[in-house]
N, C-alpha and C. Protein backbone atom coordinates (compact mmCIF):
# COMPACT_ATOMS: atom_id res chain seq x y z
N MET A 1 -1.67 -0.05 27.38
CA MET A 1 -1.12 -1.41 27.39
C MET A 1 -2.25 -2.41 27.07
N LEU A 2 -2.04 -3.24 26.07
CA LEU A 2 -3.06 -4.21 25.67
C LEU A 2 -3.10 -5.38 26.65
N SER A 3 -4.28 -5.92 26.85
CA SER A 3 -4.40 -7.14 27.65
C SER A 3 -3.76 -8.29 26.88
N LYS A 4 -3.41 -9.34 27.61
CA LYS A 4 -2.81 -10.51 26.95
C LYS A 4 -3.76 -11.11 25.92
N GLU A 5 -5.04 -11.09 26.25
CA GLU A 5 -6.05 -11.65 25.34
C GLU A 5 -6.12 -10.85 24.04
N THR A 6 -6.11 -9.53 24.17
CA THR A 6 -6.14 -8.67 22.98
C THR A 6 -4.87 -8.81 22.17
N GLN A 7 -3.72 -8.86 22.86
CA GLN A 7 -2.44 -9.01 22.19
C GLN A 7 -2.41 -10.30 21.38
N LEU A 8 -2.92 -11.36 21.96
CA LEU A 8 -2.96 -12.66 21.26
C LEU A 8 -3.87 -12.58 20.03
N ALA A 9 -5.01 -11.89 20.17
CA ALA A 9 -5.93 -11.74 19.04
C ALA A 9 -5.28 -10.95 17.91
N VAL A 10 -4.49 -9.94 18.25
CA VAL A 10 -3.77 -9.15 17.24
C VAL A 10 -2.74 -10.03 16.53
N GLU A 11 -2.00 -10.80 17.30
CA GLU A 11 -0.98 -11.67 16.71
C GLU A 11 -1.59 -12.69 15.75
N LYS A 12 -2.81 -13.12 16.04
CA LYS A 12 -3.50 -14.09 15.18
C LYS A 12 -4.19 -13.42 13.99
N GLY A 13 -4.28 -12.09 14.02
CA GLY A 13 -5.01 -11.39 12.97
C GLY A 13 -6.50 -11.31 13.20
N GLU A 14 -6.94 -11.75 14.39
CA GLU A 14 -8.37 -11.66 14.73
C GLU A 14 -8.77 -10.22 15.03
N MET A 15 -7.79 -9.42 15.45
CA MET A 15 -7.95 -7.98 15.64
C MET A 15 -6.77 -7.29 14.97
N LEU A 16 -6.99 -6.08 14.50
CA LEU A 16 -5.92 -5.32 13.84
C LEU A 16 -6.00 -3.87 14.30
N PRO A 17 -4.84 -3.18 14.40
CA PRO A 17 -4.84 -1.78 14.81
C PRO A 17 -5.34 -0.89 13.67
N LEU A 18 -6.63 -0.64 13.68
CA LEU A 18 -7.27 0.09 12.58
C LEU A 18 -7.12 1.59 12.79
N MET A 19 -6.47 2.26 11.82
CA MET A 19 -6.33 3.71 11.90
C MET A 19 -7.57 4.41 11.34
N GLU A 20 -7.98 3.97 10.15
CA GLU A 20 -9.17 4.57 9.53
C GLU A 20 -9.65 3.64 8.42
N GLU A 21 -10.89 3.85 8.01
CA GLU A 21 -11.47 3.13 6.88
C GLU A 21 -12.43 4.09 6.18
N PHE A 22 -12.40 4.07 4.86
CA PHE A 22 -13.21 5.04 4.12
C PHE A 22 -13.41 4.57 2.69
N TYR A 23 -14.51 5.01 2.09
CA TYR A 23 -14.85 4.68 0.71
C TYR A 23 -14.51 5.89 -0.15
N THR A 24 -13.72 5.67 -1.20
CA THR A 24 -13.26 6.79 -2.02
C THR A 24 -12.89 6.29 -3.42
N ILE A 25 -12.16 7.11 -4.14
CA ILE A 25 -11.64 6.76 -5.47
C ILE A 25 -10.15 6.49 -5.34
N GLN A 26 -9.72 5.36 -5.87
CA GLN A 26 -8.28 5.05 -5.88
C GLN A 26 -7.56 6.14 -6.67
N GLY A 27 -6.57 6.75 -6.04
CA GLY A 27 -5.91 7.90 -6.64
C GLY A 27 -4.61 7.60 -7.36
N GLU A 28 -4.03 6.40 -7.15
CA GLU A 28 -2.67 6.14 -7.63
C GLU A 28 -2.59 4.82 -8.39
N GLY A 29 -1.58 4.73 -9.26
CA GLY A 29 -1.21 3.46 -9.85
C GLY A 29 -2.20 2.91 -10.86
N PHE A 30 -2.17 1.61 -11.03
CA PHE A 30 -2.90 0.95 -12.11
C PHE A 30 -4.40 1.16 -12.02
N HIS A 31 -4.95 1.18 -10.81
CA HIS A 31 -6.40 1.26 -10.64
C HIS A 31 -6.90 2.69 -10.40
N THR A 32 -6.11 3.67 -10.77
CA THR A 32 -6.51 5.07 -10.61
C THR A 32 -7.90 5.30 -11.20
N GLY A 33 -8.74 6.01 -10.43
CA GLY A 33 -10.06 6.39 -10.92
C GLY A 33 -11.16 5.42 -10.59
N THR A 34 -10.83 4.30 -9.96
CA THR A 34 -11.85 3.30 -9.63
C THR A 34 -12.26 3.41 -8.16
N ALA A 35 -13.50 3.09 -7.88
CA ALA A 35 -14.01 3.15 -6.51
C ALA A 35 -13.44 2.01 -5.68
N ALA A 36 -13.09 2.31 -4.43
CA ALA A 36 -12.55 1.28 -3.54
C ALA A 36 -12.76 1.68 -2.09
N TYR A 37 -12.86 0.68 -1.24
CA TYR A 37 -12.95 0.90 0.20
C TYR A 37 -11.57 0.69 0.79
N PHE A 38 -11.04 1.71 1.45
CA PHE A 38 -9.68 1.66 1.99
C PHE A 38 -9.70 1.29 3.47
N ILE A 39 -8.85 0.36 3.82
CA ILE A 39 -8.64 -0.05 5.21
C ILE A 39 -7.19 0.30 5.55
N ARG A 40 -7.00 1.32 6.41
CA ARG A 40 -5.65 1.75 6.76
C ARG A 40 -5.28 1.16 8.13
N ILE A 41 -4.27 0.30 8.12
CA ILE A 41 -3.83 -0.38 9.32
C ILE A 41 -2.64 0.38 9.92
N GLY A 42 -2.68 0.61 11.23
CA GLY A 42 -1.60 1.32 11.90
C GLY A 42 -0.38 0.44 12.11
N GLY A 43 0.76 1.10 12.25
CA GLY A 43 2.01 0.40 12.51
C GLY A 43 2.93 0.40 11.31
N CYS A 44 4.09 1.05 11.44
CA CYS A 44 5.10 1.04 10.37
C CYS A 44 6.42 1.50 10.95
N ASP A 45 7.49 0.77 10.66
CA ASP A 45 8.82 1.19 11.10
C ASP A 45 9.77 1.41 9.91
N VAL A 46 9.19 1.53 8.71
CA VAL A 46 10.03 1.75 7.52
C VAL A 46 10.59 3.17 7.54
N GLY A 47 9.79 4.14 8.00
CA GLY A 47 10.30 5.47 8.34
C GLY A 47 10.65 6.38 7.18
N CYS A 48 9.81 6.44 6.14
CA CYS A 48 10.06 7.37 5.03
C CYS A 48 9.89 8.81 5.51
N HIS A 49 10.90 9.64 5.31
CA HIS A 49 10.84 11.01 5.85
C HIS A 49 9.74 11.82 5.20
N TRP A 50 9.33 11.46 3.97
CA TRP A 50 8.29 12.21 3.27
C TRP A 50 6.90 11.60 3.41
N CYS A 51 6.76 10.58 4.25
CA CYS A 51 5.47 9.91 4.42
C CYS A 51 4.37 10.92 4.75
N ASP A 52 3.22 10.80 4.08
CA ASP A 52 2.12 11.74 4.33
C ASP A 52 1.11 11.20 5.33
N VAL A 53 1.40 10.04 5.93
CA VAL A 53 0.55 9.52 7.01
C VAL A 53 1.42 9.04 8.18
N LYS A 54 2.30 9.93 8.64
CA LYS A 54 3.19 9.57 9.76
C LYS A 54 2.39 9.20 11.01
N GLU A 55 1.15 9.72 11.11
CA GLU A 55 0.32 9.38 12.27
C GLU A 55 -0.05 7.90 12.30
N SER A 56 0.23 7.20 11.20
CA SER A 56 -0.06 5.76 11.16
C SER A 56 1.07 4.94 11.78
N TRP A 57 2.22 5.53 12.00
CA TRP A 57 3.41 4.75 12.36
C TRP A 57 3.28 4.01 13.69
N ASN A 58 2.75 4.68 14.70
CA ASN A 58 2.65 4.10 16.04
C ASN A 58 1.36 3.30 16.17
N ALA A 59 1.48 1.99 16.12
CA ALA A 59 0.29 1.13 16.17
C ALA A 59 -0.48 1.30 17.47
N GLU A 60 0.22 1.69 18.53
CA GLU A 60 -0.44 1.81 19.84
C GLU A 60 -1.48 2.93 19.88
N LEU A 61 -1.40 3.83 18.91
CA LEU A 61 -2.37 4.93 18.86
C LEU A 61 -3.68 4.50 18.21
N HIS A 62 -3.70 3.32 17.63
CA HIS A 62 -4.86 2.88 16.85
C HIS A 62 -5.44 1.62 17.48
N PRO A 63 -6.69 1.71 17.95
CA PRO A 63 -7.25 0.63 18.76
C PRO A 63 -7.42 -0.67 17.99
N PRO A 64 -7.04 -1.79 18.58
CA PRO A 64 -7.29 -3.08 17.95
C PRO A 64 -8.80 -3.25 17.69
N THR A 65 -9.11 -3.56 16.45
CA THR A 65 -10.50 -3.67 16.01
C THR A 65 -10.71 -5.07 15.46
N ALA A 66 -11.83 -5.67 15.81
CA ALA A 66 -12.12 -7.03 15.36
C ALA A 66 -12.16 -7.10 13.84
N THR A 67 -11.46 -8.08 13.29
CA THR A 67 -11.43 -8.27 11.84
C THR A 67 -12.84 -8.42 11.27
N ASP A 68 -13.72 -9.09 12.00
CA ASP A 68 -15.10 -9.27 11.53
C ASP A 68 -15.81 -7.93 11.33
N ILE A 69 -15.55 -6.98 12.22
CA ILE A 69 -16.17 -5.65 12.11
C ILE A 69 -15.64 -4.93 10.87
N ILE A 70 -14.33 -5.02 10.65
CA ILE A 70 -13.71 -4.38 9.48
C ILE A 70 -14.32 -4.92 8.20
N VAL A 71 -14.48 -6.24 8.15
CA VAL A 71 -15.03 -6.89 6.94
C VAL A 71 -16.49 -6.50 6.73
N THR A 72 -17.26 -6.48 7.79
CA THR A 72 -18.67 -6.09 7.69
C THR A 72 -18.82 -4.67 7.16
N ASN A 73 -17.99 -3.76 7.66
CA ASN A 73 -18.03 -2.37 7.18
C ASN A 73 -17.67 -2.28 5.71
N ALA A 74 -16.64 -3.01 5.30
CA ALA A 74 -16.18 -2.95 3.91
C ALA A 74 -17.26 -3.45 2.95
N LYS A 75 -17.94 -4.51 3.33
CA LYS A 75 -18.95 -5.13 2.46
C LYS A 75 -20.10 -4.18 2.16
N LYS A 76 -20.36 -3.22 3.04
CA LYS A 76 -21.47 -2.28 2.86
C LYS A 76 -21.25 -1.35 1.67
N TYR A 77 -19.98 -1.13 1.29
CA TYR A 77 -19.68 -0.03 0.38
C TYR A 77 -19.18 -0.43 -0.99
N ALA A 78 -18.35 -1.46 -1.07
CA ALA A 78 -17.57 -1.62 -2.30
C ALA A 78 -17.36 -3.07 -2.67
N ASP A 79 -17.02 -3.29 -3.95
CA ASP A 79 -16.62 -4.62 -4.42
C ASP A 79 -15.12 -4.83 -4.30
N THR A 80 -14.38 -3.70 -4.17
CA THR A 80 -12.92 -3.76 -4.08
C THR A 80 -12.46 -3.09 -2.79
N VAL A 81 -11.56 -3.77 -2.10
CA VAL A 81 -11.00 -3.27 -0.85
C VAL A 81 -9.49 -3.11 -1.04
N VAL A 82 -8.96 -1.98 -0.57
CA VAL A 82 -7.51 -1.74 -0.60
C VAL A 82 -7.02 -1.70 0.83
N VAL A 83 -6.12 -2.60 1.17
CA VAL A 83 -5.51 -2.62 2.50
C VAL A 83 -4.19 -1.87 2.42
N THR A 84 -4.06 -0.84 3.26
CA THR A 84 -2.88 0.01 3.21
C THR A 84 -2.46 0.36 4.63
N GLY A 85 -1.53 1.29 4.77
CA GLY A 85 -1.06 1.60 6.12
C GLY A 85 -0.50 3.00 6.20
N GLY A 86 0.44 3.18 7.13
CA GLY A 86 1.24 2.18 7.79
C GLY A 86 1.81 1.14 6.83
N GLU A 87 2.22 0.05 7.44
CA GLU A 87 2.70 -1.10 6.68
C GLU A 87 1.87 -2.31 7.08
N PRO A 88 0.87 -2.65 6.25
CA PRO A 88 -0.06 -3.72 6.64
C PRO A 88 0.59 -5.07 6.87
N LEU A 89 1.70 -5.36 6.19
CA LEU A 89 2.32 -6.67 6.36
C LEU A 89 3.12 -6.78 7.66
N THR A 90 3.11 -5.72 8.46
CA THR A 90 3.60 -5.83 9.83
C THR A 90 2.78 -6.89 10.58
N TRP A 91 1.53 -7.05 10.15
CA TRP A 91 0.57 -7.93 10.82
C TRP A 91 0.22 -9.11 9.91
N ASP A 92 -0.34 -10.14 10.50
CA ASP A 92 -0.76 -11.32 9.73
C ASP A 92 -2.08 -11.00 9.02
N MET A 93 -2.03 -10.95 7.71
CA MET A 93 -3.19 -10.57 6.90
C MET A 93 -4.03 -11.77 6.46
N THR A 94 -3.66 -12.97 6.90
CA THR A 94 -4.32 -14.19 6.43
C THR A 94 -5.81 -14.17 6.69
N LEU A 95 -6.19 -13.90 7.93
CA LEU A 95 -7.59 -13.97 8.32
C LEU A 95 -8.40 -12.85 7.67
N LEU A 96 -7.85 -11.64 7.65
CA LEU A 96 -8.56 -10.52 7.04
C LEU A 96 -8.87 -10.79 5.58
N THR A 97 -7.87 -11.22 4.81
CA THR A 97 -8.11 -11.44 3.38
C THR A 97 -9.05 -12.62 3.15
N GLN A 98 -8.93 -13.65 3.99
CA GLN A 98 -9.83 -14.80 3.85
C GLN A 98 -11.28 -14.38 4.05
N LYS A 99 -11.53 -13.57 5.07
CA LYS A 99 -12.90 -13.13 5.37
C LYS A 99 -13.42 -12.16 4.31
N LEU A 100 -12.56 -11.30 3.79
CA LEU A 100 -12.98 -10.40 2.72
C LEU A 100 -13.33 -11.18 1.46
N LYS A 101 -12.52 -12.17 1.14
CA LYS A 101 -12.78 -12.97 -0.06
C LYS A 101 -14.02 -13.86 0.12
N ASP A 102 -14.28 -14.27 1.36
CA ASP A 102 -15.51 -15.02 1.63
C ASP A 102 -16.75 -14.19 1.32
N LYS A 103 -16.60 -12.86 1.37
CA LYS A 103 -17.69 -11.94 1.03
C LYS A 103 -17.67 -11.56 -0.45
N ASN A 104 -16.85 -12.26 -1.23
CA ASN A 104 -16.73 -12.03 -2.69
C ASN A 104 -16.19 -10.64 -3.02
N LEU A 105 -15.31 -10.14 -2.17
CA LEU A 105 -14.67 -8.86 -2.43
C LEU A 105 -13.31 -9.08 -3.09
N LYS A 106 -12.94 -8.18 -4.00
CA LYS A 106 -11.58 -8.16 -4.54
C LYS A 106 -10.70 -7.46 -3.51
N VAL A 107 -9.53 -8.03 -3.28
CA VAL A 107 -8.68 -7.55 -2.19
C VAL A 107 -7.32 -7.12 -2.72
N HIS A 108 -7.01 -5.83 -2.56
CA HIS A 108 -5.75 -5.25 -3.01
C HIS A 108 -4.92 -4.85 -1.79
N ILE A 109 -3.61 -4.78 -1.98
CA ILE A 109 -2.73 -4.27 -0.93
C ILE A 109 -1.77 -3.26 -1.51
N GLU A 110 -1.43 -2.25 -0.70
CA GLU A 110 -0.35 -1.32 -1.00
C GLU A 110 0.68 -1.47 0.11
N THR A 111 1.89 -1.89 -0.26
CA THR A 111 2.87 -2.28 0.74
C THR A 111 4.29 -1.95 0.29
N SER A 112 5.16 -1.74 1.26
CA SER A 112 6.59 -1.60 0.97
C SER A 112 7.22 -2.96 0.70
N GLY A 113 6.52 -4.02 1.10
CA GLY A 113 7.05 -5.37 0.91
C GLY A 113 8.17 -5.74 1.88
N ALA A 114 8.34 -4.93 2.93
CA ALA A 114 9.48 -5.11 3.82
C ALA A 114 9.32 -6.27 4.80
N TYR A 115 8.11 -6.82 4.87
CA TYR A 115 7.83 -7.92 5.80
C TYR A 115 7.33 -9.14 5.04
N PRO A 116 7.41 -10.33 5.65
CA PRO A 116 6.93 -11.53 4.98
C PRO A 116 5.49 -11.36 4.50
N VAL A 117 5.23 -11.88 3.32
CA VAL A 117 3.90 -11.74 2.71
C VAL A 117 2.94 -12.73 3.35
N THR A 118 1.85 -12.19 3.90
CA THR A 118 0.74 -13.01 4.38
C THR A 118 -0.53 -12.54 3.69
N GLY A 119 -1.53 -13.40 3.66
CA GLY A 119 -2.78 -13.04 3.01
C GLY A 119 -2.82 -13.48 1.56
N THR A 120 -4.03 -13.44 1.00
CA THR A 120 -4.27 -13.80 -0.40
C THR A 120 -4.77 -12.55 -1.11
N TRP A 121 -4.08 -12.14 -2.17
CA TRP A 121 -4.32 -10.83 -2.79
C TRP A 121 -4.69 -10.96 -4.25
N ASP A 122 -5.70 -10.19 -4.66
CA ASP A 122 -6.05 -10.10 -6.07
C ASP A 122 -5.14 -9.10 -6.80
N TRP A 123 -4.60 -8.15 -6.05
CA TRP A 123 -3.68 -7.17 -6.65
C TRP A 123 -2.66 -6.77 -5.60
N PHE A 124 -1.39 -6.89 -5.96
CA PHE A 124 -0.30 -6.62 -5.02
C PHE A 124 0.51 -5.45 -5.55
N CYS A 125 0.31 -4.28 -4.94
CA CYS A 125 1.06 -3.08 -5.32
C CYS A 125 2.27 -2.95 -4.41
N LEU A 126 3.45 -3.11 -4.98
CA LEU A 126 4.70 -3.04 -4.24
C LEU A 126 5.32 -1.65 -4.43
N SER A 127 5.52 -0.95 -3.32
CA SER A 127 6.15 0.37 -3.36
C SER A 127 7.38 0.35 -2.45
N PRO A 128 8.52 -0.10 -2.99
CA PRO A 128 9.70 -0.34 -2.16
C PRO A 128 10.32 0.95 -1.65
N LYS A 129 10.96 0.85 -0.48
CA LYS A 129 11.63 1.99 0.15
C LYS A 129 13.10 1.64 0.37
N LYS A 130 13.96 2.64 0.19
CA LYS A 130 15.40 2.41 0.25
C LYS A 130 15.87 1.92 1.61
N ASN A 131 15.24 2.41 2.68
CA ASN A 131 15.75 2.11 4.02
C ASN A 131 15.29 0.76 4.57
N LYS A 132 14.39 0.08 3.85
CA LYS A 132 13.99 -1.27 4.25
C LYS A 132 13.44 -1.97 3.02
N LEU A 133 14.29 -2.68 2.34
CA LEU A 133 13.94 -3.23 1.03
C LEU A 133 12.97 -4.41 1.14
N PRO A 134 12.24 -4.68 0.05
CA PRO A 134 11.27 -5.78 0.06
C PRO A 134 11.91 -7.16 0.24
N VAL A 135 11.11 -8.07 0.75
CA VAL A 135 11.50 -9.48 0.80
C VAL A 135 11.32 -10.08 -0.60
N ALA A 136 11.97 -11.21 -0.82
CA ALA A 136 11.96 -11.83 -2.16
C ALA A 136 10.54 -12.16 -2.63
N ASP A 137 9.69 -12.64 -1.73
CA ASP A 137 8.33 -13.02 -2.11
C ASP A 137 7.54 -11.84 -2.66
N ALA A 138 7.80 -10.64 -2.13
CA ALA A 138 7.07 -9.46 -2.59
C ALA A 138 7.43 -9.14 -4.04
N TYR A 139 8.69 -9.22 -4.38
CA TYR A 139 9.09 -9.02 -5.78
C TYR A 139 8.45 -10.06 -6.69
N ALA A 140 8.37 -11.29 -6.19
CA ALA A 140 7.89 -12.40 -7.02
C ALA A 140 6.41 -12.28 -7.38
N ILE A 141 5.61 -11.71 -6.46
CA ILE A 141 4.16 -11.70 -6.71
C ILE A 141 3.62 -10.32 -7.07
N ALA A 142 4.47 -9.31 -7.12
CA ALA A 142 3.99 -7.95 -7.38
C ALA A 142 3.28 -7.86 -8.73
N ASN A 143 2.05 -7.34 -8.72
CA ASN A 143 1.36 -7.00 -9.96
C ASN A 143 1.79 -5.64 -10.47
N GLU A 144 2.22 -4.81 -9.55
CA GLU A 144 2.52 -3.41 -9.84
C GLU A 144 3.70 -2.98 -8.98
N LEU A 145 4.67 -2.33 -9.61
CA LEU A 145 5.79 -1.72 -8.90
C LEU A 145 5.62 -0.21 -8.98
N LYS A 146 5.50 0.44 -7.82
CA LYS A 146 5.29 1.89 -7.79
C LYS A 146 6.42 2.53 -7.00
N VAL A 147 7.28 3.24 -7.70
CA VAL A 147 8.42 3.88 -7.05
C VAL A 147 8.15 5.37 -6.90
N ILE A 148 8.30 5.87 -5.68
CA ILE A 148 8.11 7.29 -5.40
C ILE A 148 9.40 8.03 -5.72
N VAL A 149 9.28 9.10 -6.50
CA VAL A 149 10.46 9.86 -6.94
C VAL A 149 10.53 11.17 -6.16
N TYR A 150 11.50 11.24 -5.27
CA TYR A 150 11.73 12.42 -4.44
C TYR A 150 12.91 13.23 -4.95
N ASN A 151 13.90 12.52 -5.52
CA ASN A 151 15.07 13.19 -6.09
C ASN A 151 15.57 12.38 -7.29
N LYS A 152 16.59 12.90 -7.95
CA LYS A 152 17.06 12.27 -9.20
C LYS A 152 17.61 10.86 -8.96
N HIS A 153 18.18 10.62 -7.79
CA HIS A 153 18.74 9.30 -7.52
C HIS A 153 17.65 8.22 -7.52
N ASP A 154 16.40 8.63 -7.30
CA ASP A 154 15.32 7.65 -7.24
C ASP A 154 15.07 6.97 -8.58
N PHE A 155 15.52 7.57 -9.67
CA PHE A 155 15.42 6.90 -10.97
C PHE A 155 16.36 5.68 -11.01
N ILE A 156 17.54 5.83 -10.40
CA ILE A 156 18.48 4.70 -10.31
C ILE A 156 17.89 3.61 -9.44
N PHE A 157 17.35 4.02 -8.30
CA PHE A 157 16.70 3.07 -7.39
C PHE A 157 15.55 2.35 -8.09
N ALA A 158 14.77 3.10 -8.87
CA ALA A 158 13.64 2.50 -9.59
C ALA A 158 14.10 1.39 -10.54
N GLU A 159 15.17 1.64 -11.25
CA GLU A 159 15.68 0.62 -12.18
C GLU A 159 16.21 -0.60 -11.42
N GLU A 160 16.85 -0.36 -10.27
CA GLU A 160 17.32 -1.49 -9.45
C GLU A 160 16.14 -2.35 -9.00
N GLN A 161 15.04 -1.70 -8.63
CA GLN A 161 13.87 -2.43 -8.17
C GLN A 161 13.17 -3.13 -9.34
N ALA A 162 13.12 -2.48 -10.49
CA ALA A 162 12.49 -3.08 -11.66
C ALA A 162 13.21 -4.36 -12.09
N ALA A 163 14.52 -4.41 -11.84
CA ALA A 163 15.30 -5.59 -12.19
C ALA A 163 14.99 -6.78 -11.29
N LYS A 164 14.36 -6.51 -10.15
CA LYS A 164 14.09 -7.57 -9.17
C LYS A 164 12.67 -8.12 -9.23
N VAL A 165 11.73 -7.33 -9.78
CA VAL A 165 10.34 -7.81 -9.80
C VAL A 165 10.14 -8.82 -10.93
N ASN A 166 9.04 -9.55 -10.81
CA ASN A 166 8.70 -10.51 -11.86
C ASN A 166 8.41 -9.78 -13.17
N SER A 167 8.48 -10.51 -14.28
CA SER A 167 8.40 -9.88 -15.60
C SER A 167 7.01 -9.34 -15.94
N ASN A 168 5.99 -9.74 -15.18
CA ASN A 168 4.63 -9.27 -15.45
C ASN A 168 4.25 -8.00 -14.69
N ALA A 169 5.09 -7.58 -13.77
CA ALA A 169 4.77 -6.40 -12.96
C ALA A 169 4.73 -5.14 -13.83
N ILE A 170 3.70 -4.33 -13.62
CA ILE A 170 3.55 -3.06 -14.35
C ILE A 170 4.31 -1.99 -13.57
N LEU A 171 5.11 -1.20 -14.26
CA LEU A 171 6.05 -0.29 -13.61
C LEU A 171 5.55 1.15 -13.62
N PHE A 172 5.54 1.78 -12.43
CA PHE A 172 5.08 3.17 -12.30
C PHE A 172 6.12 4.01 -11.57
N LEU A 173 6.25 5.26 -12.04
CA LEU A 173 7.01 6.28 -11.33
C LEU A 173 6.04 7.36 -10.87
N GLN A 174 6.12 7.71 -9.60
CA GLN A 174 5.17 8.67 -9.03
C GLN A 174 5.92 9.77 -8.28
N PRO A 175 5.69 11.04 -8.63
CA PRO A 175 6.37 12.12 -7.90
C PRO A 175 5.90 12.20 -6.46
N GLU A 176 6.84 12.39 -5.54
CA GLU A 176 6.48 12.67 -4.15
C GLU A 176 5.78 14.02 -4.13
N TRP A 177 4.69 14.12 -3.40
CA TRP A 177 3.77 15.25 -3.53
C TRP A 177 4.44 16.60 -3.33
N SER A 178 5.30 16.71 -2.34
CA SER A 178 5.93 18.01 -2.06
C SER A 178 6.96 18.40 -3.12
N LYS A 179 7.36 17.43 -3.95
CA LYS A 179 8.35 17.69 -5.01
C LYS A 179 7.73 17.57 -6.40
N LYS A 180 6.40 17.58 -6.48
CA LYS A 180 5.75 17.27 -7.77
C LYS A 180 6.10 18.28 -8.86
N GLU A 181 6.24 19.57 -8.51
CA GLU A 181 6.55 20.57 -9.54
C GLU A 181 7.92 20.33 -10.15
N GLU A 182 8.84 19.90 -9.31
CA GLU A 182 10.22 19.67 -9.75
C GLU A 182 10.38 18.32 -10.44
N MET A 183 9.74 17.29 -9.88
CA MET A 183 9.99 15.92 -10.34
C MET A 183 9.09 15.46 -11.48
N THR A 184 7.88 15.99 -11.58
CA THR A 184 6.96 15.51 -12.62
C THR A 184 7.53 15.69 -14.03
N PRO A 185 8.09 16.85 -14.39
CA PRO A 185 8.67 16.97 -15.73
C PRO A 185 9.80 15.97 -15.98
N LEU A 186 10.59 15.69 -14.93
CA LEU A 186 11.68 14.72 -15.09
C LEU A 186 11.11 13.31 -15.31
N ILE A 187 10.04 13.00 -14.60
CA ILE A 187 9.40 11.69 -14.77
C ILE A 187 8.82 11.56 -16.17
N VAL A 188 8.17 12.62 -16.65
CA VAL A 188 7.60 12.59 -18.01
C VAL A 188 8.70 12.31 -19.03
N ASP A 189 9.81 13.02 -18.92
CA ASP A 189 10.93 12.80 -19.85
C ASP A 189 11.47 11.37 -19.72
N TYR A 190 11.58 10.92 -18.49
CA TYR A 190 12.15 9.59 -18.27
C TYR A 190 11.27 8.50 -18.88
N VAL A 191 9.96 8.63 -18.69
CA VAL A 191 9.03 7.62 -19.24
C VAL A 191 9.03 7.66 -20.76
N MET A 192 9.14 8.83 -21.33
CA MET A 192 9.20 8.92 -22.80
C MET A 192 10.45 8.26 -23.34
N ASN A 193 11.54 8.33 -22.57
CA ASN A 193 12.79 7.70 -22.99
C ASN A 193 12.88 6.24 -22.57
N ASN A 194 12.05 5.85 -21.61
CA ASN A 194 12.07 4.48 -21.08
C ASN A 194 10.62 4.00 -20.96
N PRO A 195 9.99 3.69 -22.10
CA PRO A 195 8.53 3.46 -22.11
C PRO A 195 8.05 2.19 -21.43
N LYS A 196 8.94 1.42 -20.84
CA LYS A 196 8.46 0.31 -20.00
C LYS A 196 7.81 0.86 -18.73
N TRP A 197 8.11 2.11 -18.39
CA TRP A 197 7.54 2.77 -17.21
C TRP A 197 6.27 3.53 -17.58
N ARG A 198 5.42 3.75 -16.58
CA ARG A 198 4.24 4.61 -16.70
C ARG A 198 4.31 5.68 -15.62
N VAL A 199 3.56 6.76 -15.83
CA VAL A 199 3.46 7.83 -14.84
C VAL A 199 2.27 7.56 -13.93
N SER A 200 2.50 7.67 -12.62
CA SER A 200 1.41 7.66 -11.65
C SER A 200 1.40 9.00 -10.93
N LEU A 201 0.21 9.55 -10.73
CA LEU A 201 0.04 10.79 -9.98
C LEU A 201 -0.91 10.55 -8.82
N GLN A 202 -0.78 11.34 -7.78
CA GLN A 202 -1.72 11.24 -6.65
C GLN A 202 -2.97 12.04 -6.98
N THR A 203 -3.79 11.46 -7.87
CA THR A 203 -4.94 12.22 -8.39
C THR A 203 -5.95 12.53 -7.30
N HIS A 204 -5.99 11.74 -6.23
CA HIS A 204 -6.94 12.03 -5.15
C HIS A 204 -6.63 13.37 -4.48
N LYS A 205 -5.35 13.75 -4.50
CA LYS A 205 -4.99 15.04 -3.90
C LYS A 205 -5.42 16.19 -4.82
N TYR A 206 -5.35 16.00 -6.11
CA TYR A 206 -5.85 17.00 -7.05
C TYR A 206 -7.38 17.11 -6.93
N LEU A 207 -8.04 15.98 -6.68
CA LEU A 207 -9.50 15.95 -6.56
C LEU A 207 -9.98 16.37 -5.17
N ASN A 208 -9.02 16.50 -4.25
CA ASN A 208 -9.33 16.89 -2.86
C ASN A 208 -10.29 15.90 -2.20
N ILE A 209 -9.95 14.62 -2.35
CA ILE A 209 -10.72 13.55 -1.69
C ILE A 209 -9.74 12.70 -0.90
N PRO A 210 -10.23 11.88 0.03
CA PRO A 210 -9.31 11.07 0.87
C PRO A 210 -8.42 10.14 0.04
C-alpha cells in the first residue's frame, strides 16, 4: 500500500511505477535498428491475451521511482528514449517528457492510445487494440500506426484503424510472435497488394536482445 505522499507524487508524474529500463536496439516499426533507451512503465488494463509482458500489467508490482532518477539514467546512455509499458498513458507523462527534453533527448512513445494523451513526443507510435480503442487525440497525432496481426480478421481491423489516423501516419503490419510462421506470409501478400502498408517484424527477438 502506497503512502498518501507517494500516491500524490505518482498522480503528479513526479514518480512512476518503473518496471525496467535498458539500452538496446529498437526492434519494431519505423525506427527498427536504431539505438534507444527503453523506459518500461508498469500498469495496463487493456488486457491483450497475447501480450508478451503481462508482468507489466499490475502497477503495484513495480515500485514508484522518482522521475528525476529515470531521466538521469536515460541521459547516461542514449540520445533517444522510448517510453513503453504496460500502457504508459495510464499515467501523466507531462513531467517525464519535459525533463527528458530538457536534457536534449528525443522522446518516443509506444502506446495503445487508450488513455488521454499527456506529454510532448517527438515520435508517437500508436498500436491500437480491439478491446480498448484509442482516443481521438491519439489518432490525430500518430506518426506511426502499428497493428499486430494475430489472425485474418486483424487485416480488417487494421484498415478500420488506418481510416482513423491522420494522413501522415506511416502504416505497419506486424505478426504476433507466436503466430509469425502463419501470419508473416499473409502480411507479405497483403502489403504487396496494399502498398500503403509496410511490414514490421520483432527483429529484437531474432537478434536475441531485450
